[in-house]
Amino acid sequence: ALGARHVEYLVPNRFEYGYGLTPEIVDEAFGRRPDLLVTVD
């Protein structure tokens, strides 16, 4: 709504990665080539 055109989300599967921004979920996130990673909650 504020004008960003390239916004995606990623939620770790609790059974594979566990809670939070783990190094493993970061590696998966890197595959999407984000410029800015924003954690929520």
PDB file of all heavy atoms in Angstrom:
ATOM      1  N   ALA A   1       0.822  -1.208   0.000  1.00  0.00           N
ATOM      2  CA  ALA A   1       0.000   0.000   0.000  1.00  0.00           C
ATOM      3  C   ALA A   1       0.857   1.259   0.000  1.00  0.00           C
ATOM      4  O   ALA A   1       0.476   2.289  -0.577  1.00  0.00           O
ATOM      5  CB  ALA A   1      -0.934  -0.002   1.217  1.00  0.00           C
ATOM      6  N   LEU A   2       2.015   1.185   0.617  1.00  0.00           N
ATOM      7  CA  LEU A   2       2.924   2.329   0.674  1.00  0.00           C
ATOM      8  C   LEU A   2       3.766   2.474  -0.600  1.00  0.00           C
ATOM      9  O   LEU A   2       4.544   3.424  -0.716  1.00  0.00           O
ATOM     10  CB  LEU A   2       3.841   2.205   1.889  1.00  0.00           C
ATOM     11  CG  LEU A   2       3.147   2.382   3.248  1.00  0.00           C
ATOM     12  CD1 LEU A   2       4.055   1.952   4.378  1.00  0.00           C
ATOM     13  CD2 LEU A   2       2.699   3.826   3.429  1.00  0.00           C
ATOM     14  N   GLY A   3       3.628   1.544  -1.531  1.00  0.00           N
ATOM     15  CA  GLY A   3       4.282   1.690  -2.818  1.00  0.00           C
ATOM     16  C   GLY A   3       5.354   0.684  -3.135  1.00  0.00           C
ATOM     17  O   GLY A   3       5.948   0.733  -4.229  1.00  0.00           O
ATOM     18  N   ALA A   4       5.649  -0.244  -2.229  1.00  0.00           N
ATOM     19  CA  ALA A   4       6.662  -1.269  -2.507  1.00  0.00           C
ATOM     20  C   ALA A   4       6.079  -2.299  -3.483  1.00  0.00           C
ATOM     21  O   ALA A   4       4.954  -2.771  -3.301  1.00  0.00           O
ATOM     22  CB  ALA A   4       7.095  -1.946  -1.221  1.00  0.00           C
ATOM     23  N   ARG A   5       6.857  -2.641  -4.501  1.00  0.00           N
ATOM     24  CA  ARG A   5       6.363  -3.572  -5.518  1.00  0.00           C
ATOM     25  C   ARG A   5       6.920  -4.985  -5.347  1.00  0.00           C
ATOM     26  O   ARG A   5       6.373  -5.932  -5.909  1.00  0.00           O
ATOM     27  CB  ARG A   5       6.738  -3.055  -6.912  1.00  0.00           C
ATOM     28  CG  ARG A   5       6.085  -1.749  -7.295  1.00  0.00           C
ATOM     29  CD  ARG A   5       6.583  -1.279  -8.649  1.00  0.00           C
ATOM     30  NE  ARG A   5       6.124   0.069  -8.956  1.00  0.00           N
ATOM     31  CZ  ARG A   5       6.630   0.816  -9.941  1.00  0.00           C
ATOM     32  NH1 ARG A   5       7.593   0.328 -10.713  1.00  0.00           N
ATOM     33  NH2 ARG A   5       6.163   2.037 -10.161  1.00  0.00           N
ATOM     34  N   HIS A   6       8.008  -5.105  -4.621  1.00  0.00           N
ATOM     35  CA  HIS A   6       8.672  -6.411  -4.519  1.00  0.00           C
ATOM     36  C   HIS A   6       8.735  -6.825  -3.038  1.00  0.00           C
ATOM     37  O   HIS A   6       9.753  -6.662  -2.376  1.00  0.00           O
ATOM     38  CB  HIS A   6      10.069  -6.342  -5.125  1.00  0.00           C
ATOM     39  CG  HIS A   6      10.104  -5.779  -6.512  1.00  0.00           C
ATOM     40  ND1 HIS A   6       9.546  -6.427  -7.591  1.00  0.00           N
ATOM     41  CD2 HIS A   6      10.597  -4.608  -6.989  1.00  0.00           C
ATOM     42  CE1 HIS A   6       9.705  -5.699  -8.674  1.00  0.00           C
ATOM     43  NE2 HIS A   6      10.341  -4.589  -8.341  1.00  0.00           N
ATOM     44  N   VAL A   7       7.618  -7.338  -2.530  1.00  0.00           N
ATOM     45  CA  VAL A   7       7.515  -7.749  -1.135  1.00  0.00           C
ATOM     46  C   VAL A   7       7.106  -9.217  -1.088  1.00  0.00           C
ATOM     47  O   VAL A   7       6.079  -9.604  -1.665  1.00  0.00           O
ATOM     48  CB  VAL A   7       6.485  -6.912  -0.353  1.00  0.00           C
ATOM     49  CG1 VAL A   7       6.512  -7.287   1.128  1.00  0.00           C
ATOM     50  CG2 VAL A   7       6.740  -5.422  -0.533  1.00  0.00           C
ATOM     51  N   GLU A   8       7.885 -10.012  -0.422  1.00  0.00           N
ATOM     52  CA  GLU A   8       7.563 -11.425  -0.230  1.00  0.00           C
ATOM     53  C   GLU A   8       7.694 -11.746   1.255  1.00  0.00           C
ATOM     54  O   GLU A   8       8.170 -10.930   2.051  1.00  0.00           O
ATOM     55  CB  GLU A   8       8.512 -12.314  -1.037  1.00  0.00           C
ATOM     56  CG  GLU A   8       8.428 -12.133  -2.538  1.00  0.00           C
ATOM     57  CD  GLU A   8       9.362 -13.079  -3.254  1.00  0.00           C
ATOM     58  OE1 GLU A   8       9.643 -14.179  -2.719  1.00  0.00           O
ATOM     59  OE2 GLU A   8       9.826 -12.725  -4.347  1.00  0.00           O
ATOM     60  N   TYR A   9       7.267 -12.963   1.621  1.00  0.00           N
ATOM     61  CA  TYR A   9       7.414 -13.397   3.006  1.00  0.00           C
ATOM     62  C   TYR A   9       7.939 -14.823   3.039  1.00  0.00           C
ATOM     63  O   TYR A   9       7.827 -15.588   2.076  1.00  0.00           O
ATOM     64  CB  TYR A   9       6.092 -13.289   3.766  1.00  0.00           C
ATOM     65  CG  TYR A   9       5.057 -14.307   3.338  1.00  0.00           C
ATOM     66  CD1 TYR A   9       5.007 -15.579   3.922  1.00  0.00           C
ATOM     67  CD2 TYR A   9       4.133 -14.006   2.341  1.00  0.00           C
ATOM     68  CE1 TYR A   9       4.074 -16.514   3.524  1.00  0.00           C
ATOM     69  CE2 TYR A   9       3.193 -14.936   1.939  1.00  0.00           C
ATOM     70  CZ  TYR A   9       3.166 -16.189   2.530  1.00  0.00           C
ATOM     71  OH  TYR A   9       2.241 -17.116   2.132  1.00  0.00           O
ATOM     72  N   LEU A  10       8.513 -15.169   4.155  1.00  0.00           N
ATOM     73  CA  LEU A  10       9.039 -16.514   4.391  1.00  0.00           C
ATOM     74  C   LEU A  10       8.820 -16.844   5.861  1.00  0.00           C
ATOM     75  O   LEU A  10       9.175 -16.051   6.740  1.00  0.00           O
ATOM     76  CB  LEU A  10      10.529 -16.565   4.054  1.00  0.00           C
ATOM     77  CG  LEU A  10      11.280 -17.872   4.357  1.00  0.00           C
ATOM     78  CD1 LEU A  10      10.725 -19.013   3.506  1.00  0.00           C
ATOM     79  CD2 LEU A  10      12.773 -17.683   4.096  1.00  0.00           C
ATOM     80  N   VAL A  11       8.207 -17.984   6.111  1.00  0.00           N
ATOM     81  CA  VAL A  11       7.984 -18.426   7.491  1.00  0.00           C
ATOM     82  C   VAL A  11       8.648 -19.779   7.672  1.00  0.00           C
ATOM     83  O   VAL A  11       8.372 -20.717   6.911  1.00  0.00           O
ATOM     84  CB  VAL A  11       6.484 -18.534   7.826  1.00  0.00           C
ATOM     85  CG1 VAL A  11       6.285 -19.041   9.247  1.00  0.00           C
ATOM     86  CG2 VAL A  11       5.812 -17.191   7.661  1.00  0.00           C
ATOM     87  N   PRO A  12       9.535 -19.927   8.648  1.00  0.00           N
ATOM     88  CA  PRO A  12      10.188 -21.227   8.847  1.00  0.00           C
ATOM     89  C   PRO A  12       9.190 -22.290   9.271  1.00  0.00           C
ATOM     90  O   PRO A  12       8.275 -22.022  10.044  1.00  0.00           O
ATOM     91  CB  PRO A  12      11.206 -20.948   9.957  1.00  0.00           C
ATOM     92  CG  PRO A  12      10.696 -19.729  10.655  1.00  0.00           C
ATOM     93  CD  PRO A  12       9.991 -18.917   9.617  1.00  0.00           C
ATOM     94  N   ASN A  13       9.352 -23.466   8.729  1.00  0.00           N
ATOM     95  CA  ASN A  13       8.589 -24.612   9.203  1.00  0.00           C
ATOM     96  C   ASN A  13       9.178 -25.042  10.552  1.00  0.00           C
ATOM     97  O   ASN A  13      10.370 -25.312  10.664  1.00  0.00           O
ATOM     98  CB  ASN A  13       8.683 -25.758   8.189  1.00  0.00           C
ATOM     99  CG  ASN A  13       7.841 -26.948   8.574  1.00  0.00           C
ATOM    100  OD1 ASN A  13       8.012 -27.534   9.637  1.00  0.00           O
ATOM    101  ND2 ASN A  13       6.918 -27.316   7.693  1.00  0.00           N
ATOM    102  N   ARG A  14       8.327 -25.074  11.571  1.00  0.00           N
ATOM    103  CA  ARG A  14       8.836 -25.325  12.930  1.00  0.00           C
ATOM    104  C   ARG A  14       9.524 -26.687  13.050  1.00  0.00           C
ATOM    105  O   ARG A  14      10.396 -26.870  13.896  1.00  0.00           O
ATOM    106  CB  ARG A  14       7.706 -25.205  13.955  1.00  0.00           C
ATOM    107  CG  ARG A  14       6.743 -26.349  14.012  1.00  0.00           C
ATOM    108  CD  ARG A  14       5.985 -26.353  15.344  1.00  0.00           C
ATOM    109  NE  ARG A  14       4.986 -25.300  15.408  1.00  0.00           N
ATOM    110  CZ  ARG A  14       4.660 -24.681  16.540  1.00  0.00           C
ATOM    111  NH1 ARG A  14       5.286 -24.989  17.662  1.00  0.00           N
ATOM    112  NH2 ARG A  14       3.713 -23.765  16.551  1.00  0.00           N
ATOM    113  N   PHE A  15       9.144 -27.631  12.195  1.00  0.00           N
ATOM    114  CA  PHE A  15       9.695 -28.972  12.309  1.00  0.00           C
ATOM    115  C   PHE A  15      11.048 -29.102  11.603  1.00  0.00           C
ATOM    116  O   PHE A  15      11.800 -30.025  11.882  1.00  0.00           O
ATOM    117  CB  PHE A  15       8.704 -29.984  11.739  1.00  0.00           C
ATOM    118  CG  PHE A  15       7.319 -29.811  12.282  1.00  0.00           C
ATOM    119  CD1 PHE A  15       6.300 -29.304  11.484  1.00  0.00           C
ATOM    120  CD2 PHE A  15       7.029 -30.105  13.607  1.00  0.00           C
ATOM    121  CE1 PHE A  15       5.019 -29.122  11.989  1.00  0.00           C
ATOM    122  CE2 PHE A  15       5.752 -29.928  14.119  1.00  0.00           C
ATOM    123  CZ  PHE A  15       4.746 -29.430  13.315  1.00  0.00           C
ATOM    124  N   GLU A  16      11.363 -28.175  10.705  1.00  0.00           N
ATOM    125  CA  GLU A  16      12.630 -28.234   9.986  1.00  0.00           C
ATOM    126  C   GLU A  16      13.649 -27.239  10.528  1.00  0.00           C
ATOM    127  O   GLU A  16      14.820 -27.560  10.701  1.00  0.00           O
ATOM    128  CB  GLU A  16      12.404 -27.941   8.494  1.00  0.00           C
ATOM    129  CG  GLU A  16      11.565 -28.989   7.785  1.00  0.00           C
ATOM    130  CD  GLU A  16      11.358 -28.645   6.320  1.00  0.00           C
ATOM    131  OE1 GLU A  16      12.183 -27.879   5.777  1.00  0.00           O
ATOM    132  OE2 GLU A  16      10.378 -29.121   5.727  1.00  0.00           O
ATOM    133  N   TYR A  17      13.200 -26.004  10.795  1.00  0.00           N
ATOM    134  CA  TYR A  17      14.136 -24.935  11.142  1.00  0.00           C
ATOM    135  C   TYR A  17      14.031 -24.465  12.587  1.00  0.00           C
ATOM    136  O   TYR A  17      14.947 -23.822  13.088  1.00  0.00           O
ATOM    137  CB  TYR A  17      13.918 -23.728  10.226  1.00  0.00           C
ATOM    138  CG  TYR A  17      14.176 -24.019   8.766  1.00  0.00           C
ATOM    139  CD1 TYR A  17      13.129 -24.044   7.854  1.00  0.00           C
ATOM    140  CD2 TYR A  17      15.462 -24.269   8.310  1.00  0.00           C
ATOM    141  CE1 TYR A  17      13.354 -24.305   6.511  1.00  0.00           C
ATOM    142  CE2 TYR A  17      15.703 -24.534   6.970  1.00  0.00           C
ATOM    143  CZ  TYR A  17      14.651 -24.546   6.073  1.00  0.00           C
ATOM    144  OH  TYR A  17      14.884 -24.812   4.760  1.00  0.00           O
ATOM    145  N   GLY A  18      12.888 -24.732  13.233  1.00  0.00           N
ATOM    146  CA  GLY A  18      12.698 -24.178  14.564  1.00  0.00           C
ATOM    147  C   GLY A  18      12.320 -22.714  14.497  1.00  0.00           C
ATOM    148  O   GLY A  18      12.008 -22.167  13.439  1.00  0.00           O
ATOM    149  N   TYR A  19      12.376 -22.058  15.648  1.00  0.00           N
ATOM    150  CA  TYR A  19      11.868 -20.696  15.781  1.00  0.00           C
ATOM    151  C   TYR A  19      12.904 -19.655  15.383  1.00  0.00           C
ATOM    152  O   TYR A  19      14.098 -19.786  15.657  1.00  0.00           O
ATOM    153  CB  TYR A  19      11.444 -20.455  17.245  1.00  0.00           C
ATOM    154  CG  TYR A  19      11.159 -19.013  17.568  1.00  0.00           C
ATOM    155  CD1 TYR A  19       9.964 -18.423  17.180  1.00  0.00           C
ATOM    156  CD2 TYR A  19      12.107 -18.233  18.243  1.00  0.00           C
ATOM    157  CE1 TYR A  19       9.699 -17.102  17.470  1.00  0.00           C
ATOM    158  CE2 TYR A  19      11.847 -16.912  18.536  1.00  0.00           C
ATOM    159  CZ  TYR A  19      10.646 -16.345  18.148  1.00  0.00           C
ATOM    160  OH  TYR A  19      10.397 -15.031  18.430  1.00  0.00           O
ATOM    161  N   GLY A  20      12.430 -18.587  14.762  1.00  0.00           N
ATOM    162  CA  GLY A  20      13.245 -17.394  14.579  1.00  0.00           C
ATOM    163  C   GLY A  20      14.120 -17.401  13.338  1.00  0.00           C
ATOM    164  O   GLY A  20      14.068 -18.304  12.494  1.00  0.00           O
ATOM    165  N   LEU A  21      14.942 -16.370  13.267  1.00  0.00           N
ATOM    166  CA  LEU A  21      15.839 -16.173  12.136  1.00  0.00           C
ATOM    167  C   LEU A  21      17.109 -16.996  12.360  1.00  0.00           C
ATOM    168  O   LEU A  21      18.137 -16.478  12.773  1.00  0.00           O
ATOM    169  CB  LEU A  21      16.163 -14.685  11.971  1.00  0.00           C
ATOM    170  CG  LEU A  21      16.945 -14.305  10.712  1.00  0.00           C
ATOM    171  CD1 LEU A  21      16.086 -14.473   9.479  1.00  0.00           C
ATOM    172  CD2 LEU A  21      17.452 -12.873  10.825  1.00  0.00           C
ATOM    173  N   THR A  22      17.034 -18.274  12.081  1.00  0.00           N
ATOM    174  CA  THR A  22      18.188 -19.154  12.240  1.00  0.00           C
ATOM    175  C   THR A  22      19.100 -19.025  11.022  1.00  0.00           C
ATOM    176  O   THR A  22      18.664 -18.591   9.944  1.00  0.00           O
ATOM    177  CB  THR A  22      17.739 -20.612  12.376  1.00  0.00           C
ATOM    178  OG1 THR A  22      17.046 -20.992  11.175  1.00  0.00           O
ATOM    179  CG2 THR A  22      16.812 -20.797  13.575  1.00  0.00           C
ATOM    180  N   PRO A  23      20.368 -19.418  11.142  1.00  0.00           N
ATOM    181  CA  PRO A  23      21.245 -19.398   9.955  1.00  0.00           C
ATOM    182  C   PRO A  23      20.683 -20.223   8.808  1.00  0.00           C
ATOM    183  O   PRO A  23      20.853 -19.867   7.633  1.00  0.00           O
ATOM    184  CB  PRO A  23      22.556 -19.983  10.495  1.00  0.00           C
ATOM    185  CG  PRO A  23      22.552 -19.643  11.954  1.00  0.00           C
ATOM    186  CD  PRO A  23      21.116 -19.754  12.368  1.00  0.00           C
ATOM    187  N   GLU A  24      20.002 -21.318   9.113  1.00  0.00           N
ATOM    188  CA  GLU A  24      19.447 -22.175   8.070  1.00  0.00           C
ATOM    189  C   GLU A  24      18.342 -21.455   7.285  1.00  0.00           C
ATOM    190  O   GLU A  24      18.268 -21.557   6.052  1.00  0.00           O
ATOM    191  CB  GLU A  24      18.902 -23.465   8.677  1.00  0.00           C
ATOM    192  CG  GLU A  24      19.959 -24.381   9.283  1.00  0.00           C
ATOM    193  CD  GLU A  24      20.429 -23.921  10.664  1.00  0.00           C
ATOM    194  OE1 GLU A  24      19.766 -23.041  11.265  1.00  0.00           O
ATOM    195  OE2 GLU A  24      21.461 -24.444  11.121  1.00  0.00           O
ATOM    196  N   ILE A  25      17.470 -20.744   7.999  1.00  0.00           N
ATOM    197  CA  ILE A  25      16.403 -20.028   7.284  1.00  0.00           C
ATOM    198  C   ILE A  25      16.983 -18.843   6.529  1.00  0.00           C
ATOM    199  O   ILE A  25      16.468 -18.442   5.478  1.00  0.00           O
ATOM    200  CB  ILE A  25      15.276 -19.599   8.257  1.00  0.00           C
ATOM    201  CG1 ILE A  25      13.979 -19.332   7.473  1.00  0.00           C
ATOM    202  CG2 ILE A  25      15.641 -18.360   9.036  1.00  0.00           C
ATOM    203  CD1 ILE A  25      13.359 -20.557   6.888  1.00  0.00           C
ATOM    204  N   VAL A  26      18.073 -18.267   7.027  1.00  0.00           N
ATOM    205  CA  VAL A  26      18.749 -17.185   6.296  1.00  0.00           C
ATOM    206  C   VAL A  26      19.291 -17.700   4.975  1.00  0.00           C
ATOM    207  O   VAL A  26      19.179 -17.030   3.933  1.00  0.00           O
ATOM    208  CB  VAL A  26      19.876 -16.574   7.148  1.00  0.00           C
ATOM    209  CG1 VAL A  26      20.763 -15.658   6.303  1.00  0.00           C
ATOM    210  CG2 VAL A  26      19.292 -15.795   8.328  1.00  0.00           C
ATOM    211  N   ASP A  27      19.869 -18.899   4.998  1.00  0.00           N
ATOM    212  CA  ASP A  27      20.384 -19.474   3.756  1.00  0.00           C
ATOM    213  C   ASP A  27      19.259 -19.695   2.745  1.00  0.00           C
ATOM    214  O   ASP A  27      19.437 -19.481   1.536  1.00  0.00           O
ATOM    215  CB  ASP A  27      21.099 -20.797   4.039  1.00  0.00           C
ATOM    216  CG  ASP A  27      22.443 -20.597   4.743  1.00  0.00           C
ATOM    217  OD1 ASP A  27      22.993 -19.472   4.666  1.00  0.00           O
ATOM    218  OD2 ASP A  27      22.925 -21.557   5.374  1.00  0.00           O
ATOM    219  N   GLU A  28      18.098 -20.122   3.231  1.00  0.00           N
ATOM    220  CA  GLU A  28      16.960 -20.286   2.322  1.00  0.00           C
ATOM    221  C   GLU A  28      16.495 -18.925   1.808  1.00  0.00           C
ATOM    222  O   GLU A  28      16.162 -18.772   0.626  1.00  0.00           O
ATOM    223  CB  GLU A  28      15.810 -20.993   3.018  1.00  0.00           C
ATOM    224  CG  GLU A  28      14.614 -21.218   2.107  1.00  0.00           C
ATOM    225  CD  GLU A  28      13.529 -22.084   2.722  1.00  0.00           C
ATOM    226  OE1 GLU A  28      13.850 -22.896   3.592  1.00  0.00           O
ATOM    227  OE2 GLU A  28      12.371 -21.942   2.301  1.00  0.00           O
ATOM    228  N   ALA A  29      16.481 -17.943   2.696  1.00  0.00           N
ATOM    229  CA  ALA A  29      16.073 -16.594   2.284  1.00  0.00           C
ATOM    230  C   ALA A  29      17.007 -16.033   1.232  1.00  0.00           C
ATOM    231  O   ALA A  29      16.581 -15.339   0.291  1.00  0.00           O
ATOM    232  CB  ALA A  29      16.040 -15.678   3.504  1.00  0.00           C
ATOM    233  N   PHE A  30      18.279 -16.340   1.353  1.00  0.00           N
ATOM    234  CA  PHE A  30      19.271 -15.807   0.422  1.00  0.00           C
ATOM    235  C   PHE A  30      18.989 -16.232  -1.010  1.00  0.00           C
ATOM    236  O   PHE A  30      19.291 -15.511  -1.970  1.00  0.00           O
ATOM    237  CB  PHE A  30      20.675 -16.267   0.841  1.00  0.00           C
ATOM    238  CG  PHE A  30      21.779 -15.713  -0.015  1.00  0.00           C
ATOM    239  CD1 PHE A  30      22.054 -14.351  -0.028  1.00  0.00           C
ATOM    240  CD2 PHE A  30      22.547 -16.561  -0.803  1.00  0.00           C
ATOM    241  CE1 PHE A  30      23.074 -13.847  -0.824  1.00  0.00           C
ATOM    242  CE2 PHE A  30      23.571 -16.066  -1.595  1.00  0.00           C
ATOM    243  CZ  PHE A  30      23.834 -14.704  -1.608  1.00  0.00           C
ATOM    244  N   GLY A  31      18.363 -17.389  -1.156  1.00  0.00           N
ATOM    245  CA  GLY A  31      18.020 -17.863  -2.490  1.00  0.00           C
ATOM    246  C   GLY A  31      17.034 -16.965  -3.204  1.00  0.00           C
ATOM    247  O   GLY A  31      16.920 -17.013  -4.436  1.00  0.00           O
ATOM    248  N   ARG A  32      16.315 -16.144  -2.462  1.00  0.00           N
ATOM    249  CA  ARG A  32      15.363 -15.215  -3.080  1.00  0.00           C
ATOM    250  C   ARG A  32      16.008 -13.855  -3.378  1.00  0.00           C
ATOM    251  O   ARG A  32      15.335 -12.952  -3.864  1.00  0.00           O
ATOM    252  CB  ARG A  32      14.156 -15.033  -2.163  1.00  0.00           C
ATOM    253  CG  ARG A  32      13.455 -16.341  -1.815  1.00  0.00           C
ATOM    254  CD  ARG A  32      12.122 -16.083  -1.161  1.00  0.00           C
ATOM    255  NE  ARG A  32      11.490 -17.311  -0.702  1.00  0.00           N
ATOM    256  CZ  ARG A  32      10.250 -17.385  -0.240  1.00  0.00           C
ATOM    257  NH1 ARG A  32       9.503 -16.280  -0.199  1.00  0.00           N
ATOM    258  NH2 ARG A  32       9.741 -18.529   0.179  1.00  0.00           N
ATOM    259  N   ARG A  33      17.246 -13.698  -3.027  1.00  0.00           N
ATOM    260  CA  ARG A  33      18.038 -12.500  -3.309  1.00  0.00           C
ATOM    261  C   ARG A  33      17.377 -11.204  -2.802  1.00  0.00           C
ATOM    262  O   ARG A  33      17.215 -10.230  -3.544  1.00  0.00           O
ATOM    263  CB  ARG A  33      18.287 -12.375  -4.816  1.00  0.00           C
ATOM    264  CG  ARG A  33      19.145 -13.502  -5.390  1.00  0.00           C
ATOM    265  CD  ARG A  33      20.560 -13.442  -4.803  1.00  0.00           C
ATOM    266  NE  ARG A  33      21.476 -14.365  -5.474  1.00  0.00           N
ATOM    267  CZ  ARG A  33      21.719 -15.611  -5.071  1.00  0.00           C
ATOM    268  NH1 ARG A  33      21.082 -16.089  -4.006  1.00  0.00           N
ATOM    269  NH2 ARG A  33      22.575 -16.373  -5.703  1.00  0.00           N
ATOM    270  N   PRO A  34      16.991 -11.147  -1.526  1.00  0.00           N
ATOM    271  CA  PRO A  34      16.412  -9.893  -1.023  1.00  0.00           C
ATOM    272  C   PRO A  34      17.495  -8.841  -0.792  1.00  0.00           C
ATOM    273  O   PRO A  34      18.634  -9.154  -0.441  1.00  0.00           O
ATOM    274  CB  PRO A  34      15.773 -10.324   0.291  1.00  0.00           C
ATOM    275  CG  PRO A  34      16.617 -11.459   0.767  1.00  0.00           C
ATOM    276  CD  PRO A  34      17.041 -12.190  -0.489  1.00  0.00           C
ATOM    277  N   ASP A  35      17.115  -7.586  -0.983  1.00  0.00           N
ATOM    278  CA  ASP A  35      18.004  -6.479  -0.606  1.00  0.00           C
ATOM    279  C   ASP A  35      17.857  -6.166   0.881  1.00  0.00           C
ATOM    280  O   ASP A  35      18.828  -5.790   1.535  1.00  0.00           O
ATOM    281  CB  ASP A  35      17.654  -5.232  -1.422  1.00  0.00           C
ATOM    282  CG  ASP A  35      17.810  -5.464  -2.911  1.00  0.00           C
ATOM    283  OD1 ASP A  35      18.955  -5.703  -3.340  1.00  0.00           O
ATOM    284  OD2 ASP A  35      16.795  -5.422  -3.628  1.00  0.00           O
ATOM    285  N   LEU A  36      16.630  -6.319   1.368  1.00  0.00           N
ATOM    286  CA  LEU A  36      16.343  -5.998   2.770  1.00  0.00           C
ATOM    287  C   LEU A  36      15.543  -7.136   3.377  1.00  0.00           C
ATOM    288  O   LEU A  36      14.492  -7.525   2.861  1.00  0.00           O
ATOM    289  CB  LEU A  36      15.555  -4.692   2.869  1.00  0.00           C
ATOM    290  CG  LEU A  36      15.181  -4.223   4.282  1.00  0.00           C
ATOM    291  CD1 LEU A  36      16.432  -3.922   5.107  1.00  0.00           C
ATOM    292  CD2 LEU A  36      14.274  -3.004   4.226  1.00  0.00           C
ATOM    293  N   LEU A  37      16.023  -7.662   4.466  1.00  0.00           N
ATOM    294  CA  LEU A  37      15.342  -8.726   5.206  1.00  0.00           C
ATOM    295  C   LEU A  37      14.746  -8.105   6.468  1.00  0.00           C
ATOM    296  O   LEU A  37      15.462  -7.453   7.231  1.00  0.00           O
ATOM    297  CB  LEU A  37      16.338  -9.830   5.544  1.00  0.00           C
ATOM    298  CG  LEU A  37      15.814 -11.160   6.072  1.00  0.00           C
ATOM    299  CD1 LEU A  37      16.782 -12.282   5.720  1.00  0.00           C
ATOM    300  CD2 LEU A  37      15.621 -11.098   7.577  1.00  0.00           C
ATOM    301  N   VAL A  38      13.458  -8.284   6.670  1.00  0.00           N
ATOM    302  CA  VAL A  38      12.755  -7.693   7.815  1.00  0.00           C
ATOM    303  C   VAL A  38      12.125  -8.815   8.633  1.00  0.00           C
ATOM    304  O   VAL A  38      11.280  -9.561   8.112  1.00  0.00           O
ATOM    305  CB  VAL A  38      11.657  -6.704   7.363  1.00  0.00           C
ATOM    306  CG1 VAL A  38      10.962  -6.090   8.572  1.00  0.00           C
ATOM    307  CG2 VAL A  38      12.245  -5.612   6.475  1.00  0.00           C
ATOM    308  N   THR A  39      12.530  -8.955   9.881  1.00  0.00           N
ATOM    309  CA  THR A  39      11.869  -9.941  10.742  1.00  0.00           C
ATOM    310  C   THR A  39      10.616  -9.326  11.348  1.00  0.00           C
ATOM    311  O   THR A  39      10.579  -8.137  11.665  1.00  0.00           O
ATOM    312  CB  THR A  39      12.784 -10.425  11.881  1.00  0.00           C
ATOM    313  OG1 THR A  39      12.955  -9.376  12.845  1.00  0.00           O
ATOM    314  CG2 THR A  39      14.136 -10.867  11.359  1.00  0.00           C
ATOM    315  N   VAL A  40       9.574 -10.138  11.492  1.00  0.00           N
ATOM    316  CA  VAL A  40       8.344  -9.703  12.150  1.00  0.00           C
ATOM    317  C   VAL A  40       7.992 -10.736  13.213  1.00  0.00           C
ATOM    318  O   VAL A  40       7.951 -11.932  12.943  1.00  0.00           O
ATOM    319  CB  VAL A  40       7.184  -9.508  11.139  1.00  0.00           C
ATOM    320  CG1 VAL A  40       7.483  -8.330  10.222  1.00  0.00           C
ATOM    321  CG2 VAL A  40       6.928 -10.755  10.310  1.00  0.00           C
ATOM    322  N   ASP A  41       7.787 -10.271  14.437  1.00  0.00           N
ATOM    323  CA  ASP A  41       7.450 -11.125  15.573  1.00  0.00           C
ATOM    324  C   ASP A  41       8.582 -12.085  15.935  1.00  0.00           C
ATOM    325  O   ASP A  41       8.352 -13.123  16.537  1.00  0.00           O
ATOM    326  CB  ASP A  41       6.158 -11.907  15.297  1.00  0.00           C
ATOM    327  CG  ASP A  41       5.620 -12.603  16.545  1.00  0.00           C
ATOM    328  OD1 ASP A  41       5.811 -12.058  17.648  1.00  0.00           O
ATOM    329  OD2 ASP A  41       5.024 -13.692  16.419  1.00  0.00           O
TER     330      ASP A  41
END
